[in-house]
Amino acid sequence: MVSPTGFQMTLQTQAVLRIFLDHPLQEHYGLEISKAAGLPSGSLYPTMAKLERAGWVSSDWEQVDPHAVGRPRRRYYKLTQACAHVIPQVLALSLFYLMSSFPVGMTRPGLLLGR
């Protein structure tokens, strides 16, 4: 489904946006988002790239010495101020489109349970 955002609002994209909605001022790194959204990295990073191209999130590499911290640097993502206020409406609209695509009386399994 192409939403008013101009890109396809997939279930993966919605799952990622919900993570940012839960903590809109916090920066999140890829593995954290992946675990919270239940997405493999192969789905997460194309989604993050799409959101960044659309101007919904911005990203920066953390400023640490990988040898000093004993791990690779993390890329942190955060919501842009321009989109933070529209995400709840976009998710609500996406849910409306999803529900209207099913015959009356049918719902997608797990939808009402937040899965």
C-alpha atoms as a PDB file:
ATOM      1  CA  MET A   1       0.000   0.000   0.000  1.00  0.00           C
ATOM      2  CA  VAL A   2       1.346   3.423  -0.914  1.00  0.00           C
ATOM      3  CA  SER A   3       0.481   5.829   1.848  1.00  0.00           C
ATOM      4  CA  PRO A   4       0.376   9.625   1.915  1.00  0.00           C
ATOM      5  CA  THR A   5       4.059   9.413   2.829  1.00  0.00           C
ATOM      6  CA  GLY A   6       4.911   8.634  -0.795  1.00  0.00           C
ATOM      7  CA  PHE A   7       6.420   5.232  -0.026  1.00  0.00           C
ATOM      8  CA  GLN A   8       5.022   1.812   0.700  1.00  0.00           C
ATOM      9  CA  MET A   9       3.951   1.539   4.339  1.00  0.00           C
ATOM     10  CA  THR A  10       4.791  -2.124   4.897  1.00  0.00           C
ATOM     11  CA  LEU A  11       4.242  -3.999   8.133  1.00  0.00           C
ATOM     12  CA  GLN A  12       8.008  -3.863   8.682  1.00  0.00           C
ATOM     13  CA  THR A  13       8.000  -0.079   8.302  1.00  0.00           C
ATOM     14  CA  GLN A  14       5.089   0.207  10.721  1.00  0.00           C
ATOM     15  CA  ALA A  15       6.886  -1.992  13.269  1.00  0.00           C
ATOM     16  CA  VAL A  16       9.973   0.222  13.077  1.00  0.00           C
ATOM     17  CA  LEU A  17       7.937   3.420  13.390  1.00  0.00           C
ATOM     18  CA  ARG A  18       6.211   2.059  16.490  1.00  0.00           C
ATOM     19  CA  ILE A  19       9.621   1.661  18.146  1.00  0.00           C
ATOM     20  CA  PHE A  20      10.345   5.326  17.501  1.00  0.00           C
ATOM     21  CA  LEU A  21       6.870   6.309  18.673  1.00  0.00           C
ATOM     22  CA  ASP A  22       7.413   4.576  22.014  1.00  0.00           C
ATOM     23  CA  HIS A  23      10.525   6.730  22.620  1.00  0.00           C
ATOM     24  CA  PRO A  24      10.385   9.617  20.133  1.00  0.00           C
ATOM     25  CA  LEU A  25      13.278  11.628  21.602  1.00  0.00           C
ATOM     26  CA  GLN A  26      15.646   8.692  22.035  1.00  0.00           C
ATOM     27  CA  GLU A  27      18.307   7.585  19.574  1.00  0.00           C
ATOM     28  CA  HIS A  28      18.149   3.889  18.643  1.00  0.00           C
ATOM     29  CA  TYR A  29      20.819   1.693  17.084  1.00  0.00           C
ATOM     30  CA  GLY A  30      20.136  -0.999  14.492  1.00  0.00           C
ATOM     31  CA  LEU A  31      20.330  -4.137  16.630  1.00  0.00           C
ATOM     32  CA  GLU A  32      18.126  -2.532  19.286  1.00  0.00           C
ATOM     33  CA  ILE A  33      15.485  -1.647  16.681  1.00  0.00           C
ATOM     34  CA  SER A  34      15.769  -5.084  15.064  1.00  0.00           C
ATOM     35  CA  LYS A  35      15.140  -6.904  18.346  1.00  0.00           C
ATOM     36  CA  ALA A  36      12.315  -4.600  19.464  1.00  0.00           C
ATOM     37  CA  ALA A  37      10.541  -4.788  16.089  1.00  0.00           C
ATOM     38  CA  GLY A  38      11.182  -8.517  15.653  1.00  0.00           C
ATOM     39  CA  LEU A  39      12.869  -7.988  12.291  1.00  0.00           C
ATOM     40  CA  PRO A  40      16.006  -9.591  10.873  1.00  0.00           C
ATOM     41  CA  SER A  41      18.745  -7.186   9.804  1.00  0.00           C
ATOM     42  CA  GLY A  42      18.023  -8.019   6.172  1.00  0.00           C
ATOM     43  CA  SER A  43      14.604  -6.386   6.570  1.00  0.00           C
ATOM     44  CA  LEU A  44      15.588  -3.670   8.995  1.00  0.00           C
ATOM     45  CA  TYR A  45      18.372  -1.883   7.149  1.00  0.00           C
ATOM     46  CA  PRO A  46      16.478  -1.433   3.842  1.00  0.00           C
ATOM     47  CA  THR A  47      13.580  -0.060   5.910  1.00  0.00           C
ATOM     48  CA  MET A  48      15.882   2.338   7.751  1.00  0.00           C
ATOM     49  CA  ALA A  49      17.414   3.480   4.453  1.00  0.00           C
ATOM     50  CA  LYS A  50      13.927   4.126   3.046  1.00  0.00           C
ATOM     51  CA  LEU A  51      12.922   6.153   6.116  1.00  0.00           C
ATOM     52  CA  GLU A  52      16.155   8.122   5.964  1.00  0.00           C
ATOM     53  CA  ARG A  53      15.736   8.921   2.245  1.00  0.00           C
ATOM     54  CA  ALA A  54      12.191  10.106   2.992  1.00  0.00           C
ATOM     55  CA  GLY A  55      13.470  12.422   5.721  1.00  0.00           C
ATOM     56  CA  TRP A  56      11.678  10.605   8.535  1.00  0.00           C
ATOM     57  CA  VAL A  57      14.836   9.591  10.405  1.00  0.00           C
ATOM     58  CA  SER A  58      18.397  10.775  10.466  1.00  0.00           C
ATOM     59  CA  SER A  59      21.441   8.767  11.442  1.00  0.00           C
ATOM     60  CA  ASP A  60      24.957   9.244  12.717  1.00  0.00           C
ATOM     61  CA  TRP A  61      27.794   6.946  13.663  1.00  0.00           C
ATOM     62  CA  GLU A  62      28.648   6.976  17.346  1.00  0.00           C
ATOM     63  CA  GLN A  63      31.928   8.655  18.153  1.00  0.00           C
ATOM     64  CA  VAL A  64      33.868   5.906  19.912  1.00  0.00           C
ATOM     65  CA  ASP A  65      37.042   3.981  19.330  1.00  0.00           C
ATOM     66  CA  PRO A  66      35.960   0.420  18.422  1.00  0.00           C
ATOM     67  CA  HIS A  67      39.113  -0.996  20.031  1.00  0.00           C
ATOM     68  CA  ALA A  68      38.460   0.866  23.279  1.00  0.00           C
ATOM     69  CA  VAL A  69      34.842  -0.333  23.582  1.00  0.00           C
ATOM     70  CA  GLY A  70      35.525  -3.816  22.190  1.00  0.00           C
ATOM     71  CA  ARG A  71      32.877  -3.719  19.460  1.00  0.00           C
ATOM     72  CA  PRO A  72      32.166  -2.016  16.131  1.00  0.00           C
ATOM     73  CA  ARG A  73      30.741   1.491  16.143  1.00  0.00           C
ATOM     74  CA  ARG A  74      26.952   1.717  16.169  1.00  0.00           C
ATOM     75  CA  ARG A  75      24.864   3.733  13.759  1.00  0.00           C
ATOM     76  CA  TYR A  76      22.225   5.605  15.750  1.00  0.00           C
ATOM     77  CA  TYR A  77      18.895   6.627  14.246  1.00  0.00           C
ATOM     78  CA  LYS A  78      16.482   9.264  15.487  1.00  0.00           C
ATOM     79  CA  LEU A  79      13.225  10.749  14.300  1.00  0.00           C
ATOM     80  CA  THR A  80      13.419  14.044  12.517  1.00  0.00           C
ATOM     81  CA  GLN A  81      11.350  16.846  13.962  1.00  0.00           C
ATOM     82  CA  ALA A  82       9.546  17.182  10.640  1.00  0.00           C
ATOM     83  CA  CYS A  83       7.880  13.769  10.884  1.00  0.00           C
ATOM     84  CA  ALA A  84       7.486  13.101  14.619  1.00  0.00           C
ATOM     85  CA  HIS A  85       3.999  14.609  14.739  1.00  0.00           C
ATOM     86  CA  VAL A  86       2.626  12.750  11.682  1.00  0.00           C
ATOM     87  CA  ILE A  87       3.613   9.172  12.554  1.00  0.00           C
ATOM     88  CA  PRO A  88       0.545   8.449  14.751  1.00  0.00           C
ATOM     89  CA  GLN A  89      -1.772   9.623  11.954  1.00  0.00           C
ATOM     90  CA  VAL A  90       0.085   7.617   9.300  1.00  0.00           C
ATOM     91  CA  LEU A  91      -0.043   4.444  11.407  1.00  0.00           C
ATOM     92  CA  ALA A  92      -3.756   4.976  12.091  1.00  0.00           C
ATOM     93  CA  LEU A  93      -4.391   5.506   8.376  1.00  0.00           C
ATOM     94  CA  SER A  94      -2.392   2.380   7.533  1.00  0.00           C
ATOM     95  CA  LEU A  95      -4.498   0.371   9.977  1.00  0.00           C
ATOM     96  CA  PHE A  96      -7.659   1.789   8.381  1.00  0.00           C
ATOM     97  CA  TYR A  97      -6.487   0.761   4.891  1.00  0.00           C
ATOM     98  CA  LEU A  98      -5.487  -2.680   6.140  1.00  0.00           C
ATOM     99  CA  MET A  99      -8.826  -3.276   7.859  1.00  0.00           C
ATOM    100  CA  SER A 100     -10.818  -1.989   4.888  1.00  0.00           C
ATOM    101  CA  SER A 101      -9.087  -4.470   2.573  1.00  0.00           C
ATOM    102  CA  PHE A 102     -10.639  -7.460   4.376  1.00  0.00           C
ATOM    103  CA  PRO A 103     -14.261  -8.582   3.887  1.00  0.00           C
ATOM    104  CA  VAL A 104     -16.708  -7.502   6.569  1.00  0.00           C
ATOM    105  CA  GLY A 105     -16.368  -9.693   9.649  1.00  0.00           C
ATOM    106  CA  MET A 106     -12.828 -10.822   8.844  1.00  0.00           C
ATOM    107  CA  THR A 107      -9.723  -9.536  10.535  1.00  0.00           C
ATOM    108  CA  ARG A 108      -6.118 -10.380   9.943  1.00  0.00           C
ATOM    109  CA  PRO A 109      -5.004 -12.919  12.561  1.00  0.00           C
ATOM    110  CA  GLY A 110      -2.973 -11.316  15.321  1.00  0.00           C
ATOM    111  CA  LEU A 111      -3.812  -7.758  14.259  1.00  0.00           C
ATOM    112  CA  LEU A 112      -5.927  -7.015  17.300  1.00  0.00           C
ATOM    113  CA  LEU A 113      -3.319  -8.590  19.552  1.00  0.00           C
ATOM    114  CA  GLY A 114      -0.600  -6.286  18.285  1.00  0.00           C
ATOM    115  CA  ARG A 115       1.339  -8.998  16.455  1.00  0.00           C
END
